[in-house]
């Protein structure tokens, strides 16, 4: 596993590096699928959009069309995902010839995606799914770094939200240790994500396209 996103993106440029592609797919495929699902696509379209985005991204990386100097990878990938999801939504509407009407108080995501000034909801969905994806990957890595007991205490207390005393009794530790383990794992997660993501940079403009 590449230890930073920059290293991973460089490794994926090698079409023969199956390990790097496996890492890339594991991190980003679920995120892309969840993003498409939350935009209202069905399962078949979700799979198609996910695979198409991944292929476009891999090809663009291999041909060095992604320029980190122009913006963050997560924003660049969002641009690709947004275009593919929008194309799938348009195709579905053409096939059914039914205008999607949002529920009361809801949002017509197709109309919102088509409006360059009104896509805040889609961007927020993307930010959420990006955070979830990195958190999931961070949990995989820090489990071995912090030790099994620390991670189990964190999982029971912070993720499953079991009472500290109950967790302490189950693991045979002091209740105070539960809070210590939680802080230790959270710090390890923070450090991993900070190390993995590339440094901040300018956001790419709409002219920074990949097809």
Protein backbone atom coordinates (compact mmCIF):
# COMPACT_ATOMS: atom_id res chain seq x y z
CA UNK A 1 0.00 0.00 0.00
CA UNK A 2 1.31 3.43 -0.95
CA UNK A 3 1.63 5.59 2.16
CA UNK A 4 0.51 8.87 0.59
CA UNK A 5 -2.04 9.80 -2.01
CA UNK A 6 0.69 11.36 -4.16
CA UNK A 7 2.64 8.08 -4.20
CA UNK A 8 -0.52 6.14 -4.98
CA UNK A 9 -1.43 8.39 -7.90
CA UNK A 10 2.07 8.05 -9.29
CA UNK A 11 1.98 4.27 -8.91
CA UNK A 12 -1.39 3.98 -10.67
CA UNK A 13 0.18 5.52 -13.77
CA UNK A 14 1.90 2.17 -14.29
CA UNK A 15 -0.78 -0.03 -15.89
CA UNK A 16 1.12 -3.13 -14.73
CA UNK A 17 1.04 -2.14 -11.06
CA UNK A 18 -1.94 -4.21 -9.97
CA UNK A 19 -1.31 -3.60 -6.28
CA UNK A 20 -1.57 0.16 -6.73
CA UNK A 21 -4.72 -0.19 -8.82
CA UNK A 22 -6.20 -2.48 -6.15
CA UNK A 23 -5.51 0.16 -3.49
CA UNK A 24 -6.93 2.89 -5.71
CA UNK A 25 -10.08 0.88 -6.39
CA UNK A 26 -10.61 -0.06 -2.74
CA UNK A 27 -10.44 3.56 -1.60
CA UNK A 28 -12.34 5.34 -4.35
CA UNK A 29 -14.83 2.87 -5.87
CA UNK A 30 -17.17 2.73 -2.83
CA UNK A 31 -17.04 6.51 -2.52
CA UNK A 32 -17.97 6.97 -6.18
CA UNK A 33 -20.78 4.44 -5.87
CA UNK A 34 -22.21 6.12 -2.78
CA UNK A 35 -21.98 9.52 -4.44
CA UNK A 36 -23.89 8.28 -7.49
CA UNK A 37 -26.47 6.56 -5.32
CA UNK A 38 -27.13 9.70 -3.32
CA UNK A 39 -27.68 11.58 -6.58
CA UNK A 40 -30.54 9.20 -7.35
CA UNK A 41 -28.99 6.73 -9.81
CA UNK A 42 -30.11 3.10 -9.79
CA UNK A 43 -27.80 0.13 -9.20
CA UNK A 44 -27.03 -0.50 -12.88
CA UNK A 45 -26.16 3.14 -13.52
CA UNK A 46 -24.18 3.33 -10.29
CA UNK A 47 -21.91 0.50 -11.45
CA UNK A 48 -21.53 2.02 -14.91
CA UNK A 49 -20.70 5.48 -13.57
CA UNK A 50 -18.25 4.10 -11.01
CA UNK A 51 -16.36 2.04 -13.58
CA UNK A 52 -16.36 4.86 -16.12
CA UNK A 53 -14.99 7.39 -13.63
CA UNK A 54 -12.28 4.98 -12.50
CA UNK A 55 -11.24 4.25 -16.09
CA UNK A 56 -11.15 7.93 -16.99
CA UNK A 57 -9.15 8.72 -13.86
CA UNK A 58 -6.65 5.93 -14.44
CA UNK A 59 -6.19 6.86 -18.10
CA UNK A 60 -5.79 10.54 -17.24
CA UNK A 61 -3.24 9.75 -14.53
CA UNK A 62 -1.33 7.45 -16.88
CA UNK A 63 -1.23 10.18 -19.51
CA UNK A 64 -0.32 12.76 -16.84
CA UNK A 65 -3.35 14.93 -17.60
CA UNK A 66 -3.98 15.54 -13.91
CA UNK A 67 -1.79 18.43 -12.80
CA UNK A 68 -1.54 18.77 -8.98
CA UNK A 69 -0.44 22.38 -9.44
CA UNK A 70 -3.93 23.19 -10.74
CA UNK A 71 -5.83 21.79 -7.77
CA UNK A 72 -6.52 19.01 -5.33
CA UNK A 73 -7.07 15.46 -6.52
CA UNK A 74 -10.41 15.21 -4.69
CA UNK A 75 -11.75 18.24 -6.59
CA UNK A 76 -10.42 16.98 -9.90
CA UNK A 77 -12.03 13.58 -9.32
CA UNK A 78 -15.29 15.29 -8.34
CA UNK A 79 -15.34 17.03 -11.72
CA UNK A 80 -15.14 13.67 -13.49
CA UNK A 81 -17.71 12.03 -11.23
CA UNK A 82 -20.11 14.96 -11.58
CA UNK A 83 -19.96 14.90 -15.38
CA UNK A 84 -20.53 11.14 -15.56
CA UNK A 85 -23.39 11.21 -13.05
CA UNK A 86 -24.99 14.11 -14.89
CA UNK A 87 -24.71 12.24 -18.20
CA UNK A 88 -26.35 9.16 -16.65
CA UNK A 89 -29.17 11.24 -15.16
CA UNK A 90 -29.79 12.95 -18.51
CA UNK A 91 -29.82 9.60 -20.32
CA UNK A 92 -32.33 8.18 -17.85
CA UNK A 93 -34.60 11.18 -18.30
CA UNK A 94 -34.40 10.87 -22.08
CA UNK A 95 -35.28 7.18 -21.90
CA UNK A 96 -38.23 7.62 -19.59
CA UNK A 97 -39.26 11.06 -20.87
CA UNK A 98 -40.43 11.75 -17.36
CA UNK A 99 -39.38 14.98 -15.65
CA UNK A 100 -38.26 14.16 -12.14
CA UNK A 101 -40.24 16.24 -9.67
CA UNK A 102 -38.73 16.56 -6.18
CA UNK A 103 -40.78 15.86 -3.11
CA UNK A 104 -41.99 18.86 -1.13
CA UNK A 105 -38.94 20.61 0.25
CA UNK A 106 -36.67 18.32 -1.79
CA UNK A 107 -34.11 19.05 -4.47
CA UNK A 108 -34.18 18.22 -8.16
CA UNK A 109 -30.57 17.07 -8.33
CA UNK A 110 -30.52 16.89 -12.12
CA UNK A 111 -31.54 20.53 -12.40
CA UNK A 112 -29.12 21.46 -9.65
CA UNK A 113 -26.19 19.67 -11.28
CA UNK A 114 -26.96 21.40 -14.57
CA UNK A 115 -26.82 24.78 -12.85
CA UNK A 116 -23.14 25.73 -12.36
CA UNK A 117 -24.19 28.11 -9.57
CA UNK A 118 -26.49 25.70 -7.76
CA UNK A 119 -24.58 22.51 -7.06
CA UNK A 120 -23.85 23.08 -3.36
CA UNK A 121 -25.82 19.98 -2.34
CA UNK A 122 -23.85 17.74 -4.72
CA UNK A 123 -20.56 19.21 -3.53
CA UNK A 124 -21.52 18.57 0.09
CA UNK A 125 -22.43 14.97 -0.71
CA UNK A 126 -19.01 14.57 -2.33
CA UNK A 127 -17.21 16.07 0.66
CA UNK A 128 -19.06 13.73 3.00
CA UNK A 129 -18.33 10.63 0.94
CA UNK A 130 -14.68 11.64 0.60
CA UNK A 131 -14.35 11.93 4.38
CA UNK A 132 -16.09 8.58 4.88
CA UNK A 133 -13.78 6.89 2.37
CA UNK A 134 -10.61 8.23 3.99
CA UNK A 135 -11.90 7.38 7.46
CA UNK A 136 -12.59 3.80 6.37
CA UNK A 137 -9.10 3.49 4.91
CA UNK A 138 -7.53 5.12 7.97
CA UNK A 139 -9.26 2.62 10.24
CA UNK A 140 -7.72 -0.24 8.24
CA UNK A 141 -4.24 1.18 8.74
CA UNK A 142 -4.31 2.39 12.33
CA UNK A 143 -5.74 -0.85 13.68
CA UNK A 144 -2.32 -2.48 13.54
CA UNK A 145 -0.47 0.65 14.60
CA UNK A 146 -2.36 1.26 17.85
CA UNK A 147 -2.75 -2.36 18.92
CA UNK A 148 -5.75 -4.66 19.05
CA UNK A 149 -6.96 -3.74 22.52
CA UNK A 150 -6.81 0.00 21.86
CA UNK A 151 -8.66 -0.42 18.60
CA UNK A 152 -11.30 -2.70 20.10
CA UNK A 153 -11.93 -0.22 22.91
CA UNK A 154 -12.24 2.56 20.35
CA UNK A 155 -14.60 0.52 18.21
CA UNK A 156 -16.87 -0.43 21.09
CA UNK A 157 -16.92 3.03 22.65
CA UNK A 158 -16.66 5.49 19.74
CA UNK A 159 -18.23 3.54 16.88
CA UNK A 160 -20.75 1.27 18.60
CA UNK A 161 -21.31 3.89 21.31
CA UNK A 162 -21.27 1.44 24.18
CA UNK A 163 -20.89 2.93 27.71
CA UNK A 164 -17.30 3.33 28.91
CA UNK A 165 -17.88 1.16 31.98
CA UNK A 166 -19.35 -1.62 29.86
CA UNK A 167 -16.38 -1.49 27.49
CA UNK A 168 -13.96 -1.48 30.41
CA UNK A 169 -15.64 -4.52 31.97
CA UNK A 170 -15.63 -6.41 28.68
CA UNK A 171 -11.95 -5.74 27.98
CA UNK A 172 -10.73 -5.95 31.57
CA UNK A 173 -9.37 -2.41 31.66
CA UNK A 174 -10.00 0.70 33.74
CA UNK A 175 -12.75 3.05 32.49
CA UNK A 176 -10.19 5.84 32.20
CA UNK A 177 -8.23 3.67 29.75
CA UNK A 178 -11.22 3.61 27.41
CA UNK A 179 -10.96 7.39 26.98
CA UNK A 180 -7.19 7.18 26.58
CA UNK A 181 -7.53 4.53 23.87
CA UNK A 182 -10.19 6.58 22.09
CA UNK A 183 -7.92 9.64 22.01
CA UNK A 184 -4.99 7.53 20.86
CA UNK A 185 -6.89 6.03 17.94
CA UNK A 186 -8.44 9.35 16.92
CA UNK A 187 -5.00 10.95 16.84
CA UNK A 188 -3.64 8.06 14.78
CA UNK A 189 -6.54 8.48 12.33
CA UNK A 190 -5.93 12.21 12.10
CA UNK A 191 -2.23 11.68 11.42
CA UNK A 192 -2.86 9.04 8.77
CA UNK A 193 -5.35 11.18 6.87
CA UNK A 194 -3.09 14.22 7.13
CA UNK A 195 -0.17 12.16 5.79
CA UNK A 196 -2.20 10.52 3.02
CA UNK A 197 -3.83 13.61 1.56
CA UNK A 198 -1.76 15.97 -0.52
CA UNK A 199 -1.04 19.50 0.73
CA UNK A 200 -3.60 22.17 0.05
CA UNK A 201 -3.58 23.97 -3.26
CA UNK A 202 -5.77 26.02 -5.53
CA UNK A 203 -9.09 24.59 -6.60
CA UNK A 204 -9.17 23.55 -10.28
CA UNK A 205 -11.27 25.61 -12.63
CA UNK A 206 -13.92 24.30 -14.99
CA UNK A 207 -11.33 24.35 -17.80
CA UNK A 208 -9.32 21.60 -16.05
CA UNK A 209 -11.23 18.75 -17.73
CA UNK A 210 -10.50 15.10 -18.41
CA UNK A 211 -12.63 12.94 -20.65
